[in-house]
């Protein structure tokens, strides 16, 4: 009933660029048939970050047949880079008719879909939760529905969780066979895809920014420019926001007399403000930056973004205080400033006295690989 009631909204959302591919595929099965492969290792991820995190695992599973489902278009694009059959995960009511038998289903992070778990295991798949977590913000809601999650988790063969805190939270929900291995994103290979020449002077990159964050960063940058010749590069998280962020940058540039450029039109790193309006460039930009203002944590509703990439390239990291989804990763990154939006200017000034951020931890995926291969 809810599905039919929501049909007008789904049609409306499908017209938006962000959902143009995913909603028709997930809610109408448009160009989204069942996997042709059976008895494969099935990985389910949500979006870009989790899809990227699969790389070290899939490298070790080259002899296995692999299939992957995603939720978002960015996750889908990343998953298609692997030697795997890739689909969108359909809305739950389609799953009993869509799911075929697979050898194993490996679900990343917090993708807890009851019918996905029930149908996949009923078809004969072993179920593994990998990189599983329950954030501080969500734990109360999980415990309120402990009866439901106990039933859902009863389908799970093994849980590999990010921390001891996560382990205790899953135990409280009735889970079993839990192993703490840390965050698998620590095992990912971080690299550039292109080589850019670093412009003269200090370079600040605002990476993976969300609505409302760019304005706070631009305000801080205008103030910071009174004592510095720094350049600002802005890389919004979502491509559908490129145009609106450019208009915002244009207002600040005109008001302050700064030069402005779009990356898609001219890779002009000499401009005072550069909007990177292309996907897949963030690591290349981190590599030529001195300071990274990491988005997604200046608002309460996102939960932060991966700090390993700017730390790998030696950027001095400034981020917000709402990084609950990335708490485990930030534990491994040193010399980070956590500030309110109004404090970004102060953090930029203090960054001069701080060493670059750095990552000191590694992760061993041997037990996970052995489990998937059937050796454990």
Foldseek 3Di string as FASTA:
>chain_A
DVLVVCVVVLVVVCPAPFCVPQSCCAEVVVVFAADPDAQFEEEEEEAQLVLLLCVVLCVLVVVTAYEYEYRGPRSQVSNVVDPHHYGHHHDLVCVLVGDAAYQAYEYEEPPQDQSVLVNRVVNPHAYEYEQYAAFPVRLVVCLVVLVVLLVSQVSHDAYEYADPVRVVSVVSSNHDRYHYFHGSSLAGDADAPDADDADPFAEEEAPQADPPLLVLVLVLLLVLVVPGQYAYEYEHNDLSCQVVSQVVVVVSCVVSVFFEEECVVPVDPVGRYYYDNDPPCVLNSLLNHAAYEFHQALDQPRQTDAPQSNQVSQHQYEYEDRNRVCVRRVVQKPRYHHHHSNCVNVVVVCSVVTGTIHGDDHTDCVVVSCVVVVND
